Amino acid sequence: MDMSAANRKGLSLFALIMIGLGSIFGSGWLFGAGQAAQVAGPAALVAWVIGAIFIGMIAMTYAEVGAAYPLPGAMARFGSISHGPVLGFITGWAVWIATASLIPIEAIAGTQYMSSWSFGWAKGLVADGHLTGTGIATALFLTFALWLACYWSVELLARANNLLTLVKFAIPVLAVGALIASGFHTDNFTAHGGFAPNGWSAVLTAVTASGVVFAFNGFQAVVNLGGNAKNPGRAIPLALVGALSLGLVIYLALQVAFLGAVPPEKLTEAGGWSGVNFASPFADLAKLLMLHWVVTMLQFGAFISPNGANIGNVASSAYLAQNLAETGFFPKKIAEVHPRYGVARPAMWLNLGFSVLLLLTIGHSWEALASVVSAAMVVSYLMGPIAVGVFRQTKPELPRPFRLPAARILCPITFAFAACALYWSKWPNTGKVTVLTLLSVPIAAIVLRRRGESDLRRQFAPAWWMAAFLLWLSVLSALGSEEFGGHGVIPGGLDIALVGVSAVGFYFWAVRAGVQAHRAGLPDPDPVLDGGARPTPGTEDERKAAEPVGATAA
């Protein structure tokens, strides 16, 4: 990949951790605790732990393949390297949609919290939970302003994000301390229906539908931008562990503070946690507790956090679009890199247009987009464990600076976990995401036909497992238990068992399809083994990049 001199300097490990942590602390901390408490009550704490374990498992699969293929925007490339161009486009499309959609969501979140400011113009940004015309205009301005932050170089991204992340890190920590000090009500954790007032199915739903997965999704920025690190093989896994660990600690602290700080009389008045519906959860709670300095701090943080996270989103989505163009399914113009600044400016313009389209059509509130986009994120995670399984069989000679321990066991379990998380996102979100993802299939067929490809059946053979998996999961979701939005044809418990067991079968089908695709010569040339994605170790940093980290064979 053509990288500029600025990009070849590389991001430090600290900068990469800050990028991951900065993306994790976007709008998730502003809305996640309130949304999760409303859905699951005090058991929302369990949802955060489940979400962190799930994302951690997914992240470690991407740590292996991401360190082996340190390409900017790498998550859009793994499918084409493992299964060939068609699956590469389908999975790359899903990753791109999920990542590019974060740009307008974060701008919407910042705008919604701005409506709590005391200025008259700010109060007119939101009405009845949705952005007004002025609110949409403000979100568009924020989107464009943060888009400009990445327009010149990755170095500017790192410099701006380091400072913003430190500020964002401090604000939730101070908020937690202030809320707990204002009066901590331990009875809130057991009163009004107990620890899990809405049942354990609500806890699972909170993982995907209430912003938990959405909050931790920032790990993708580490994988997608890790190719620009000084030492990708070492930096990517360490940055993933560091960002996710710090994120979990702070999110748990925020959730505990929120649950304990809500006045008991407010809970009684609302009829339990399901009725506690704050438009701006932490700011509204601080107002209720007369913590005016905390309200001011949160209003400032609510402006900084989403917009700071968007720096990583803008850069990641540009690399993803660039990689799709390099595989031939997006116009080649999209992949052009500016010779001086080292960024794919046409790709950035594409993502800006997509963001504007979402804002002007369906993006009128954070809630309107978050649940569907969270499900789309889970779809984008599916290739991690599958790519590990395929590459272990087809590319044993591939340099792996990091090896996932016990991959033969953990990869199918991780894929099954991802399938369950997608199911927990509830019907009809599963159906919407299936349709959105499979829109790529006819596009792929049209592009291949225009290239002169006559044997579409051969090209599509390695990708049918993905279409079958998504359709099967949508059917299970529609017929499944009512707790997850289904029609109750399949009873609770049996539905999740069917999802998990069938997902393991789909995993082995997917790996087998990848192995067969390699035998048929369908995957693109390997950017490391065939083309050299990274230079031959010569400099000190490059020699370090070749050294294994945590190399434990499966």
Protein backbone atom coordinates (compact mmCIF):
# COMPACT_ATOMS: atom_id res chain seq x y z
CA MET A 1 0.00 0.00 0.00
CA ASP A 2 1.33 3.39 -0.95
CA MET A 3 2.04 5.23 2.25
CA SER A 4 3.50 8.67 2.64
CA ALA A 5 6.60 9.52 4.56
CA ALA A 6 4.44 10.83 7.35
CA ASN A 7 2.64 7.52 7.64
CA ARG A 8 5.85 5.49 7.50
CA LYS A 9 7.09 7.24 10.63
CA GLY A 10 4.53 5.13 12.47
CA LEU A 11 2.33 5.48 15.50
CA SER A 12 3.78 4.67 18.90
CA LEU A 13 2.24 2.02 21.14
CA PHE A 14 0.96 4.77 23.42
CA ALA A 15 -0.63 6.59 20.48
CA LEU A 16 -2.29 3.35 19.31
CA ILE A 17 -3.69 2.66 22.80
CA MET A 18 -4.98 6.23 22.91
CA ILE A 19 -6.65 5.75 19.52
CA GLY A 20 -8.37 2.59 20.76
CA LEU A 21 -9.34 4.11 24.09
CA GLY A 22 -10.43 7.31 22.38
CA SER A 23 -12.75 5.34 20.09
CA ILE A 24 -14.07 3.27 23.02
CA PHE A 25 -14.89 6.45 24.91
CA GLY A 26 -17.17 8.01 22.38
CA SER A 27 -20.88 8.35 23.01
CA GLY A 28 -21.01 4.90 24.66
CA TRP A 29 -20.17 6.19 28.14
CA LEU A 30 -22.63 9.07 27.80
CA PHE A 31 -25.62 6.86 26.99
CA GLY A 32 -24.60 3.25 27.70
CA ALA A 33 -25.02 3.16 31.50
CA GLY A 34 -28.46 4.77 31.35
CA GLN A 35 -29.69 2.59 28.48
CA ALA A 36 -28.33 -0.64 30.02
CA ALA A 37 -29.87 0.17 33.44
CA GLN A 38 -33.25 0.81 31.82
CA VAL A 39 -33.13 -2.54 29.99
CA ALA A 40 -31.46 -4.80 32.59
CA GLY A 41 -31.54 -2.92 35.92
CA PRO A 42 -28.54 -3.51 38.22
CA ALA A 43 -27.71 -6.64 36.20
CA ALA A 44 -26.41 -4.23 33.56
CA LEU A 45 -23.08 -4.74 35.35
CA VAL A 46 -23.09 -8.33 34.11
CA ALA A 47 -23.85 -7.09 30.57
CA TRP A 48 -20.65 -4.99 30.59
CA VAL A 49 -18.57 -7.98 31.68
CA ILE A 50 -20.14 -10.23 29.05
CA GLY A 51 -19.62 -7.56 26.42
CA ALA A 52 -15.96 -7.10 27.35
CA ILE A 53 -15.33 -10.87 27.27
CA PHE A 54 -17.04 -11.15 23.89
CA ILE A 55 -15.18 -8.21 22.36
CA GLY A 56 -11.93 -9.41 23.96
CA MET A 57 -12.30 -12.82 22.30
CA ILE A 58 -13.04 -11.20 18.95
CA ALA A 59 -10.18 -8.73 19.37
CA MET A 60 -7.63 -11.46 20.06
CA THR A 61 -8.51 -13.25 16.81
CA TYR A 62 -7.98 -9.98 15.00
CA ALA A 63 -4.75 -9.48 16.92
CA GLU A 64 -3.30 -12.58 15.24
CA VAL A 65 -4.38 -11.77 11.70
CA GLY A 66 -3.94 -8.04 12.16
CA ALA A 67 -0.34 -8.44 13.34
CA ALA A 68 0.36 -10.86 10.49
CA TYR A 69 -1.18 -8.46 7.95
CA PRO A 70 -0.45 -4.96 9.31
CA LEU A 71 -2.42 -3.16 6.61
CA PRO A 72 -4.29 0.06 7.32
CA GLY A 73 -7.99 -0.81 7.06
CA ALA A 74 -7.08 -4.49 7.36
CA MET A 75 -10.53 -5.62 8.56
CA ALA A 76 -11.85 -5.04 5.04
CA ARG A 77 -9.15 -7.27 3.53
CA PHE A 78 -9.16 -10.49 5.54
CA GLY A 79 -12.12 -12.01 3.68
CA SER A 80 -10.53 -11.57 0.27
CA ILE A 81 -7.21 -13.00 1.49
CA SER A 82 -8.89 -16.04 3.07
CA HIS A 83 -11.81 -16.81 0.73
CA GLY A 84 -11.47 -14.77 -2.41
CA PRO A 85 -12.94 -11.57 -3.84
CA VAL A 86 -16.67 -12.19 -3.31
CA LEU A 87 -16.56 -12.94 0.40
CA GLY A 88 -13.92 -10.24 0.73
CA PHE A 89 -16.37 -7.71 -0.65
CA ILE A 90 -19.31 -8.95 1.45
CA THR A 91 -17.36 -8.81 4.71
CA GLY A 92 -15.52 -5.65 3.74
CA TRP A 93 -18.87 -4.04 2.91
CA ALA A 94 -20.22 -5.01 6.35
CA VAL A 95 -17.14 -3.64 8.13
CA TRP A 96 -17.25 -0.42 6.11
CA ILE A 97 -20.99 0.14 6.73
CA ALA A 98 -20.59 -0.46 10.48
CA THR A 99 -17.54 1.80 10.82
CA ALA A 100 -18.69 4.62 8.55
CA SER A 101 -22.04 4.71 10.37
CA LEU A 102 -20.23 5.62 13.58
CA ILE A 103 -19.33 9.03 12.18
CA PRO A 104 -22.91 10.43 12.14
CA ILE A 105 -23.83 8.57 15.36
CA GLU A 106 -21.09 10.28 17.34
CA ALA A 107 -22.01 13.66 15.86
CA ILE A 108 -25.65 13.05 16.85
CA ALA A 109 -24.59 12.12 20.39
CA GLY A 110 -22.59 15.32 20.79
CA THR A 111 -25.52 17.36 19.50
CA GLN A 112 -28.02 15.67 21.83
CA TYR A 113 -25.91 16.45 24.89
CA MET A 114 -25.40 20.02 23.68
CA SER A 115 -29.16 20.45 23.99
CA SER A 116 -28.72 20.33 27.79
CA TRP A 117 -26.68 23.55 27.68
CA SER A 118 -28.36 26.60 29.19
CA PHE A 119 -28.19 28.62 25.98
CA GLY A 120 -31.49 29.24 24.23
CA TRP A 121 -30.24 28.08 20.85
CA ALA A 122 -28.97 24.82 22.38
CA LYS A 123 -32.36 23.93 23.83
CA GLY A 124 -33.78 23.98 20.31
CA LEU A 125 -31.45 21.27 19.01
CA VAL A 126 -33.67 18.39 20.19
CA ALA A 127 -37.45 18.03 20.42
CA ASP A 128 -39.32 14.89 21.53
CA GLY A 129 -36.09 12.90 21.58
CA HIS A 130 -35.18 13.71 17.97
CA LEU A 131 -32.92 16.29 16.35
CA THR A 132 -34.66 19.36 14.99
CA GLY A 133 -33.60 21.04 11.76
CA THR A 134 -31.10 23.11 13.75
CA GLY A 135 -29.90 19.96 15.50
CA ILE A 136 -29.29 18.17 12.20
CA ALA A 137 -27.41 21.22 10.90
CA THR A 138 -25.25 21.19 14.06
CA ALA A 139 -24.55 17.46 13.68
CA LEU A 140 -23.56 18.06 10.06
CA PHE A 141 -21.17 20.81 11.13
CA LEU A 142 -19.57 18.57 13.78
CA THR A 143 -19.22 15.75 11.25
CA PHE A 144 -17.46 17.99 8.76
CA ALA A 145 -15.22 19.63 11.38
CA LEU A 146 -13.92 16.30 12.71
CA TRP A 147 -13.59 14.98 9.19
CA LEU A 148 -11.12 17.79 8.52
CA ALA A 149 -8.98 16.63 11.47
CA CYS A 150 -7.88 13.58 9.45
CA TYR A 151 -7.67 15.29 6.07
CA TRP A 152 -3.94 15.96 6.16
CA SER A 153 -2.17 13.06 7.91
CA VAL A 154 -2.22 10.21 10.40
CA GLU A 155 0.28 12.19 12.50
CA LEU A 156 -2.31 14.93 13.04
CA LEU A 157 -4.75 12.22 14.10
CA ALA A 158 -2.35 10.95 16.76
CA ARG A 159 -1.46 14.39 18.12
CA ALA A 160 -5.08 15.51 18.42
CA ASN A 161 -6.37 12.21 19.75
CA ASN A 162 -3.78 11.82 22.51
CA LEU A 163 -4.84 15.10 24.12
CA LEU A 164 -8.56 14.49 23.60
CA THR A 165 -8.35 10.98 25.06
CA LEU A 166 -6.62 12.17 28.22
CA VAL A 167 -9.39 14.75 28.70
CA LYS A 168 -12.09 12.16 28.00
CA PHE A 169 -10.47 9.74 30.43
CA ALA A 170 -10.45 12.28 33.25
CA ILE A 171 -14.06 13.46 32.91
CA PRO A 172 -15.83 10.11 33.52
CA VAL A 173 -13.47 9.34 36.41
CA LEU A 174 -14.35 12.66 38.07
CA ALA A 175 -18.05 12.08 37.35
CA VAL A 176 -17.93 8.66 39.05
CA GLY A 177 -16.33 10.13 42.16
CA ALA A 178 -18.81 13.01 42.34
CA LEU A 179 -21.89 10.82 41.91
CA ILE A 180 -20.78 8.31 44.54
CA ALA A 181 -19.85 11.08 46.99
CA SER A 182 -23.27 12.72 46.55
CA GLY A 183 -24.97 9.75 48.17
CA PHE A 184 -24.72 6.07 47.29
CA HIS A 185 -27.89 4.01 47.70
CA THR A 186 -26.98 0.32 48.00
CA ASP A 187 -30.67 -0.65 48.17
CA ASN A 188 -30.98 0.34 44.50
CA PHE A 189 -29.18 -2.87 43.56
CA THR A 190 -31.83 -5.18 45.06
CA ALA A 191 -35.08 -3.16 45.32
CA HIS A 192 -37.69 -2.78 42.56
CA GLY A 193 -37.58 -6.30 41.20
CA GLY A 194 -34.18 -7.44 42.45
CA PHE A 195 -30.79 -7.50 40.79
CA ALA A 196 -32.20 -8.62 37.41
CA PRO A 197 -35.74 -7.17 37.41
CA ASN A 198 -36.36 -7.91 33.73
CA GLY A 199 -34.80 -11.38 33.68
CA TRP A 200 -31.47 -12.58 32.34
CA SER A 201 -32.62 -12.38 28.73
CA ALA A 202 -32.69 -8.59 29.20
CA VAL A 203 -29.04 -8.73 30.27
CA LEU A 204 -28.15 -10.46 27.00
CA THR A 205 -30.18 -7.94 25.00
CA ALA A 206 -28.37 -5.10 26.76
CA VAL A 207 -25.06 -6.46 25.44
CA THR A 208 -25.96 -5.57 21.87
CA ALA A 209 -29.04 -3.33 21.95
CA SER A 210 -28.12 -0.94 24.79
CA GLY A 211 -24.75 0.29 23.70
CA VAL A 212 -22.37 -2.23 25.34
CA VAL A 213 -21.01 -3.69 22.09
CA PHE A 214 -21.31 -0.22 20.60
CA ALA A 215 -19.08 1.14 23.37
CA PHE A 216 -16.34 -1.47 23.02
CA ASN A 217 -16.34 -1.37 19.22
CA GLY A 218 -13.46 1.10 19.36
CA PHE A 219 -11.07 -1.87 19.25
CA GLN A 220 -11.51 -1.86 15.46
CA ALA A 221 -9.58 1.40 15.23
CA VAL A 222 -6.52 -0.40 16.66
CA VAL A 223 -6.71 -3.13 14.01
CA ASN A 224 -7.48 -0.77 11.13
CA LEU A 225 -4.80 1.79 12.04
CA GLY A 226 -2.31 -0.65 13.56
CA GLY A 227 -0.56 -1.06 10.22
CA ASN A 228 0.81 2.45 10.78
CA ALA A 229 2.38 1.50 14.12
CA LYS A 230 6.16 1.51 14.50
CA ASN A 231 6.05 -2.16 15.51
CA PRO A 232 2.69 -3.63 14.40
CA GLY A 233 3.31 -7.18 15.61
CA ARG A 234 3.92 -6.03 19.16
CA ALA A 235 1.75 -2.91 19.21
CA ILE A 236 -1.55 -4.34 17.94
CA PRO A 237 -2.15 -7.04 20.62
CA LEU A 238 -0.79 -4.87 23.44
CA ALA A 239 -2.91 -1.90 22.37
CA LEU A 240 -6.02 -4.09 22.17
CA VAL A 241 -5.50 -5.49 25.67
CA GLY A 242 -4.68 -2.08 27.10
CA ALA A 243 -7.59 -0.21 25.56
CA LEU A 244 -10.20 -2.88 26.36
CA SER A 245 -9.01 -3.39 29.95
CA LEU A 246 -9.04 0.31 30.77
CA GLY A 247 -12.38 0.66 29.03
CA LEU A 248 -14.02 -2.12 31.06
CA VAL A 249 -12.80 -0.71 34.38
CA ILE A 250 -14.19 2.75 33.66
CA TYR A 251 -17.48 1.50 32.20
CA LEU A 252 -18.10 -0.68 35.27
CA ALA A 253 -17.33 2.28 37.51
CA LEU A 254 -19.74 4.47 35.53
CA GLN A 255 -22.47 1.84 35.74
CA VAL A 256 -22.03 1.37 39.50
CA ALA A 257 -22.09 5.14 40.05
CA PHE A 258 -25.23 5.56 37.95
CA LEU A 259 -27.09 2.70 39.65
CA GLY A 260 -26.19 3.88 43.15
CA ALA A 261 -26.73 7.61 42.59
CA VAL A 262 -30.32 7.49 41.30
CA PRO A 263 -32.49 8.73 44.21
CA PRO A 264 -34.73 5.92 45.57
CA GLU A 265 -37.77 8.18 45.30
CA LYS A 266 -37.05 8.64 41.59
CA LEU A 267 -37.01 4.86 41.16
CA THR A 268 -40.29 4.52 43.02
CA GLU A 269 -41.88 7.29 40.99
CA ALA A 270 -40.70 5.67 37.73
CA GLY A 271 -41.98 2.24 38.76
CA GLY A 272 -38.54 0.63 38.61
CA TRP A 273 -35.55 0.80 36.33
CA SER A 274 -37.57 0.41 33.12
CA GLY A 275 -39.18 3.76 33.78
CA VAL A 276 -35.94 5.68 34.41
CA ASN A 277 -35.52 7.37 31.07
CA PHE A 278 -33.03 10.26 31.06
CA ALA A 279 -32.48 11.97 27.72
CA SER A 280 -28.90 12.83 28.77
CA PRO A 281 -28.34 10.19 31.48
CA PHE A 282 -25.39 11.52 33.49
CA ALA A 283 -26.11 15.22 32.96
CA ASP A 284 -29.77 14.80 33.91
CA LEU A 285 -28.82 12.76 36.97
CA ALA A 286 -26.27 15.39 38.05
CA LYS A 287 -28.94 18.08 37.68
CA LEU A 288 -31.28 16.02 39.83
CA LEU A 289 -28.59 15.81 42.51
CA MET A 290 -27.83 19.56 42.26
CA LEU A 291 -24.23 18.89 41.20
CA HIS A 292 -23.94 21.93 38.96
CA TRP A 293 -20.18 21.74 38.46
CA VAL A 294 -20.57 18.11 37.38
CA VAL A 295 -23.28 19.14 34.92
CA THR A 296 -20.92 21.71 33.39
CA MET A 297 -18.07 19.20 33.22
CA LEU A 298 -20.31 16.56 31.64
CA GLN A 299 -21.62 19.01 29.08
CA PHE A 300 -18.05 19.79 28.10
CA GLY A 301 -17.13 16.10 28.07
CA ALA A 302 -20.22 15.25 26.05
CA PHE A 303 -18.97 17.58 23.36
CA ILE A 304 -15.38 16.29 23.49
CA SER A 305 -15.98 12.51 23.77
CA PRO A 306 -18.09 11.74 20.68
CA ASN A 307 -16.21 14.17 18.49
CA GLY A 308 -12.85 12.92 19.73
CA ALA A 309 -13.90 9.35 18.98
CA ASN A 310 -14.85 10.42 15.48
CA ILE A 311 -11.22 11.17 14.67
CA GLY A 312 -10.51 7.43 14.74
CA ASN A 313 -13.79 6.63 12.96
CA VAL A 314 -13.04 8.99 10.08
CA ALA A 315 -9.54 7.55 9.62
CA SER A 316 -10.64 3.90 9.95
CA SER A 317 -13.57 4.19 7.53
CA ALA A 318 -11.31 5.90 4.98
CA TYR A 319 -8.85 3.00 5.08
CA LEU A 320 -11.72 0.51 4.77
CA ALA A 321 -13.15 2.23 1.68
CA GLN A 322 -9.64 2.45 0.26
CA ASN A 323 -9.13 -1.30 0.65
CA LEU A 324 -12.47 -2.09 -1.00
CA ALA A 325 -11.34 0.04 -3.93
CA GLU A 326 -8.03 -1.80 -4.10
CA THR A 327 -9.92 -5.10 -4.43
CA GLY A 328 -11.84 -3.66 -7.40
CA PHE A 329 -15.38 -3.49 -6.01
CA PHE A 330 -15.29 0.24 -5.34
CA PRO A 331 -14.02 2.62 -8.06
CA LYS A 332 -10.21 2.69 -8.21
CA LYS A 333 -10.31 6.45 -7.71
CA ILE A 334 -11.34 5.83 -4.10
CA ALA A 335 -7.97 4.23 -3.34
CA GLU A 336 -5.84 7.17 -4.45
CA VAL A 337 -3.53 8.37 -1.66
CA HIS A 338 -2.39 11.96 -1.51
CA PRO A 339 1.36 11.94 -2.32
CA ARG A 340 2.20 14.45 0.41
CA TYR A 341 -0.29 13.88 3.22
CA GLY A 342 -0.65 10.11 2.89
CA VAL A 343 -4.44 9.90 3.25
CA ALA A 344 -6.99 8.53 0.79
CA ARG A 345 -8.91 11.75 0.24
CA PRO A 346 -11.45 10.31 -2.26
CA ALA A 347 -12.31 7.63 0.32
CA MET A 348 -12.81 10.33 2.93
CA TRP A 349 -15.17 12.23 0.61
CA LEU A 350 -17.16 9.01 0.06
CA ASN A 351 -17.55 8.50 3.80
CA LEU A 352 -18.52 12.12 4.33
CA GLY A 353 -21.27 11.73 1.74
CA PHE A 354 -22.47 8.52 3.41
CA SER A 355 -22.55 10.27 6.80
CA VAL A 356 -24.57 13.16 5.40
CA LEU A 357 -27.01 10.70 3.82
CA LEU A 358 -27.60 8.93 7.14
CA LEU A 359 -28.02 12.22 9.01
CA LEU A 360 -30.57 13.50 6.53
CA THR A 361 -32.60 10.27 6.36
CA ILE A 362 -32.71 8.01 9.42
CA GLY A 363 -30.15 9.55 11.79
CA HIS A 364 -32.42 11.80 13.80
CA SER A 365 -31.47 10.38 17.20
CA TRP A 366 -28.74 8.31 18.84
CA GLU A 367 -31.24 5.59 19.75
CA ALA A 368 -32.54 5.38 16.17
CA LEU A 369 -29.16 4.26 14.86
CA ALA A 370 -27.33 2.63 17.77
CA SER A 371 -29.22 -0.69 18.01
CA VAL A 372 -29.11 -1.44 14.28
CA VAL A 373 -25.50 -0.33 13.89
CA SER A 374 -24.51 -2.46 16.91
CA ALA A 375 -25.91 -5.51 15.12
CA ALA A 376 -24.02 -4.52 11.96
CA MET A 377 -20.85 -4.34 14.06
CA VAL A 378 -21.33 -7.93 15.19
CA VAL A 379 -21.60 -9.02 11.53
CA SER A 380 -18.32 -7.24 10.88
CA TYR A 381 -16.66 -9.32 13.64
CA LEU A 382 -17.41 -12.69 12.05
CA MET A 383 -14.29 -12.91 9.86
CA GLY A 384 -11.76 -12.73 12.73
CA PRO A 385 -12.04 -16.30 14.07
CA ILE A 386 -12.68 -17.71 10.60
CA ALA A 387 -9.59 -16.05 9.12
CA VAL A 388 -7.46 -17.50 11.94
CA GLY A 389 -8.84 -20.98 11.22
CA VAL A 390 -8.27 -20.72 7.46
CA PHE A 391 -4.78 -19.23 7.67
CA ARG A 392 -3.63 -21.83 10.20
CA GLN A 393 -4.38 -24.51 7.58
CA THR A 394 -3.46 -22.74 4.35
CA LYS A 395 -0.57 -20.46 5.42
CA PRO A 396 1.46 -22.26 8.08
CA GLU A 397 4.57 -20.34 6.95
CA LEU A 398 2.94 -16.94 7.51
CA PRO A 399 4.94 -14.88 10.06
CA ARG A 400 2.74 -14.48 13.13
CA PRO A 401 4.13 -11.98 15.64
CA PHE A 402 1.19 -12.94 17.85
CA ARG A 403 -0.45 -16.37 17.97
CA LEU A 404 -3.83 -16.93 19.57
CA PRO A 405 -3.49 -19.68 22.20
CA ALA A 406 -5.75 -22.73 21.77
CA ALA A 407 -7.10 -21.33 18.50
CA ARG A 408 -8.74 -24.61 17.45
CA ILE A 409 -11.00 -24.39 20.49
CA LEU A 410 -11.37 -20.65 20.93
CA CYS A 411 -12.15 -19.76 17.30
CA PRO A 412 -15.39 -21.80 16.94
CA ILE A 413 -16.46 -20.69 20.43
CA THR A 414 -15.81 -17.06 19.51
CA PHE A 415 -17.79 -17.40 16.29
CA ALA A 416 -20.70 -18.98 18.20
CA PHE A 417 -20.52 -16.14 20.72
CA ALA A 418 -20.75 -13.63 17.87
CA ALA A 419 -23.79 -15.45 16.46
CA CYS A 420 -25.50 -15.31 19.86
CA ALA A 421 -24.70 -11.60 20.20
CA LEU A 422 -26.28 -10.97 16.81
CA TYR A 423 -29.36 -12.94 17.91
CA TRP A 424 -29.55 -10.96 21.16
CA SER A 425 -29.81 -7.73 19.16
CA LYS A 426 -33.47 -8.75 18.64
CA TRP A 427 -35.78 -9.13 15.69
CA PRO A 428 -36.29 -7.12 13.46
CA ASN A 429 -32.77 -5.68 13.84
CA THR A 430 -31.32 -9.02 12.76
CA GLY A 431 -33.44 -8.96 9.61
CA LYS A 432 -32.49 -5.37 8.80
CA VAL A 433 -28.79 -6.12 9.15
CA THR A 434 -29.11 -9.26 7.02
CA VAL A 435 -30.73 -7.28 4.20
CA LEU A 436 -28.18 -4.48 4.49
CA THR A 437 -25.25 -6.92 4.38
CA LEU A 438 -26.60 -9.06 1.54
CA LEU A 439 -27.12 -5.99 -0.65
CA SER A 440 -23.46 -6.53 -1.45
CA VAL A 441 -24.20 -9.84 -3.24
CA PRO A 442 -25.87 -8.39 -6.38
CA ILE A 443 -23.31 -5.60 -6.44
CA ALA A 444 -20.53 -8.20 -6.44
CA ALA A 445 -22.22 -10.11 -9.28
CA ILE A 446 -22.56 -6.95 -11.38
CA VAL A 447 -18.93 -5.96 -10.84
CA LEU A 448 -17.67 -9.46 -11.72
CA ARG A 449 -19.80 -9.54 -14.87
CA ARG A 450 -18.42 -6.17 -15.95
CA ARG A 451 -14.92 -7.56 -15.44
CA GLY A 452 -15.77 -10.34 -17.89
CA GLU A 453 -16.04 -13.13 -15.30
CA SER A 454 -18.06 -15.95 -16.86
CA ASP A 455 -18.06 -18.52 -14.04
CA LEU A 456 -19.92 -16.70 -11.24
CA ARG A 457 -20.78 -20.00 -9.59
CA ARG A 458 -17.08 -20.68 -8.96
CA GLN A 459 -16.49 -17.16 -7.64
CA PHE A 460 -19.45 -17.26 -5.26
CA ALA A 461 -18.83 -20.79 -3.94
CA PRO A 462 -16.64 -19.68 -0.97
CA ALA A 463 -19.20 -17.06 0.09
CA TRP A 464 -22.47 -19.01 0.27
CA TRP A 465 -21.91 -19.94 3.90
CA MET A 466 -22.18 -16.26 4.87
CA ALA A 467 -25.47 -15.75 3.04
CA ALA A 468 -26.87 -18.99 4.48
CA PHE A 469 -25.69 -18.08 8.00
CA LEU A 470 -27.32 -14.64 7.98
CA LEU A 471 -30.59 -15.93 6.50
CA TRP A 472 -30.69 -18.84 8.98
CA LEU A 473 -30.07 -16.53 11.90
CA SER A 474 -32.80 -14.17 10.71
CA VAL A 475 -35.28 -17.05 10.53
CA LEU A 476 -34.35 -18.18 14.05
CA SER A 477 -34.65 -14.59 15.25
CA ALA A 478 -38.11 -14.15 13.73
CA LEU A 479 -39.36 -17.46 15.14
CA GLY A 480 -37.49 -17.25 18.45
CA SER A 481 -38.60 -16.30 21.92
CA GLU A 482 -40.48 -13.08 22.54
CA GLU A 483 -37.74 -11.92 24.93
CA PHE A 484 -35.57 -11.35 21.87
CA GLY A 485 -38.28 -9.85 19.68
CA GLY A 486 -39.40 -13.09 18.00
CA HIS A 487 -42.86 -14.55 17.58
CA GLY A 488 -42.40 -17.24 20.25
CA VAL A 489 -42.55 -20.28 17.95
CA ILE A 490 -39.21 -21.49 19.31
CA PRO A 491 -39.24 -21.38 23.14
CA GLY A 492 -36.68 -19.52 25.22
CA GLY A 493 -33.50 -21.46 25.95
CA LEU A 494 -33.94 -23.70 22.93
CA ASP A 495 -33.53 -20.71 20.63
CA ILE A 496 -30.10 -19.76 22.01
CA ALA A 497 -29.02 -23.42 21.99
CA LEU A 498 -29.97 -23.66 18.30
CA VAL A 499 -28.05 -20.48 17.51
CA GLY A 500 -24.91 -21.63 19.32
CA VAL A 501 -24.84 -25.20 17.99
CA SER A 502 -25.65 -24.23 14.42
CA ALA A 503 -23.03 -21.46 14.55
CA VAL A 504 -20.31 -24.02 15.27
CA GLY A 505 -21.43 -25.92 12.17
CA PHE A 506 -21.31 -22.73 10.08
CA TYR A 507 -17.81 -22.00 11.42
CA PHE A 508 -16.43 -25.30 10.13
CA TRP A 509 -18.29 -24.82 6.84
CA ALA A 510 -16.68 -21.38 6.50
CA VAL A 511 -13.18 -22.67 7.26
CA ARG A 512 -13.61 -25.56 4.82
CA ALA A 513 -14.82 -23.13 2.15
CA GLY A 514 -11.70 -21.02 2.69
CA VAL A 515 -9.40 -24.03 2.37
CA GLN A 516 -11.15 -25.10 -0.84
CA ALA A 517 -10.93 -21.54 -2.18
CA HIS A 518 -7.15 -21.64 -1.74
CA ARG A 519 -6.96 -24.94 -3.60
CA ALA A 520 -8.96 -23.35 -6.41
CA GLY A 521 -6.67 -20.30 -6.47
CA LEU A 522 -9.48 -17.82 -5.74
CA PRO A 523 -8.03 -15.61 -2.98
CA ASP A 524 -6.11 -12.48 -3.90
CA PRO A 525 -2.29 -12.63 -3.88
CA ASP A 526 -1.08 -12.70 -0.31
CA PRO A 527 0.13 -9.18 0.58
CA VAL A 528 2.82 -10.62 2.89
CA LEU A 529 3.91 -13.92 1.33
CA ASP A 530 3.45 -12.87 -2.30
CA GLY A 531 3.80 -9.10 -2.27
CA GLY A 532 5.42 -8.02 0.98
CA ALA A 533 2.98 -5.90 2.94
CA ARG A 534 5.81 -4.79 5.15
CA PRO A 535 9.49 -4.18 4.38
CA THR A 536 12.15 -6.73 5.04
CA PRO A 537 13.40 -6.12 8.57
CA GLY A 538 16.38 -3.85 8.35
CA THR A 539 15.98 -0.91 10.66
CA GLU A 540 15.78 -1.40 14.43
CA ASP A 541 12.02 -0.85 14.46
CA GLU A 542 11.52 -3.25 11.56
CA ARG A 543 13.63 -5.94 13.26
CA LYS A 544 11.51 -5.55 16.38
CA ALA A 545 8.37 -5.95 14.27
CA ALA A 546 9.56 -9.39 13.22
CA GLU A 547 9.99 -10.60 16.79
CA PRO A 548 7.12 -12.77 18.07
CA VAL A 549 4.99 -11.65 21.00
CA GLY A 550 3.28 -14.24 23.18
CA ALA A 551 3.89 -16.95 20.60
CA THR A 552 1.90 -19.89 21.94
CA ALA A 553 0.92 -22.50 19.39
CA ALA A 554 -2.60 -23.80 19.38
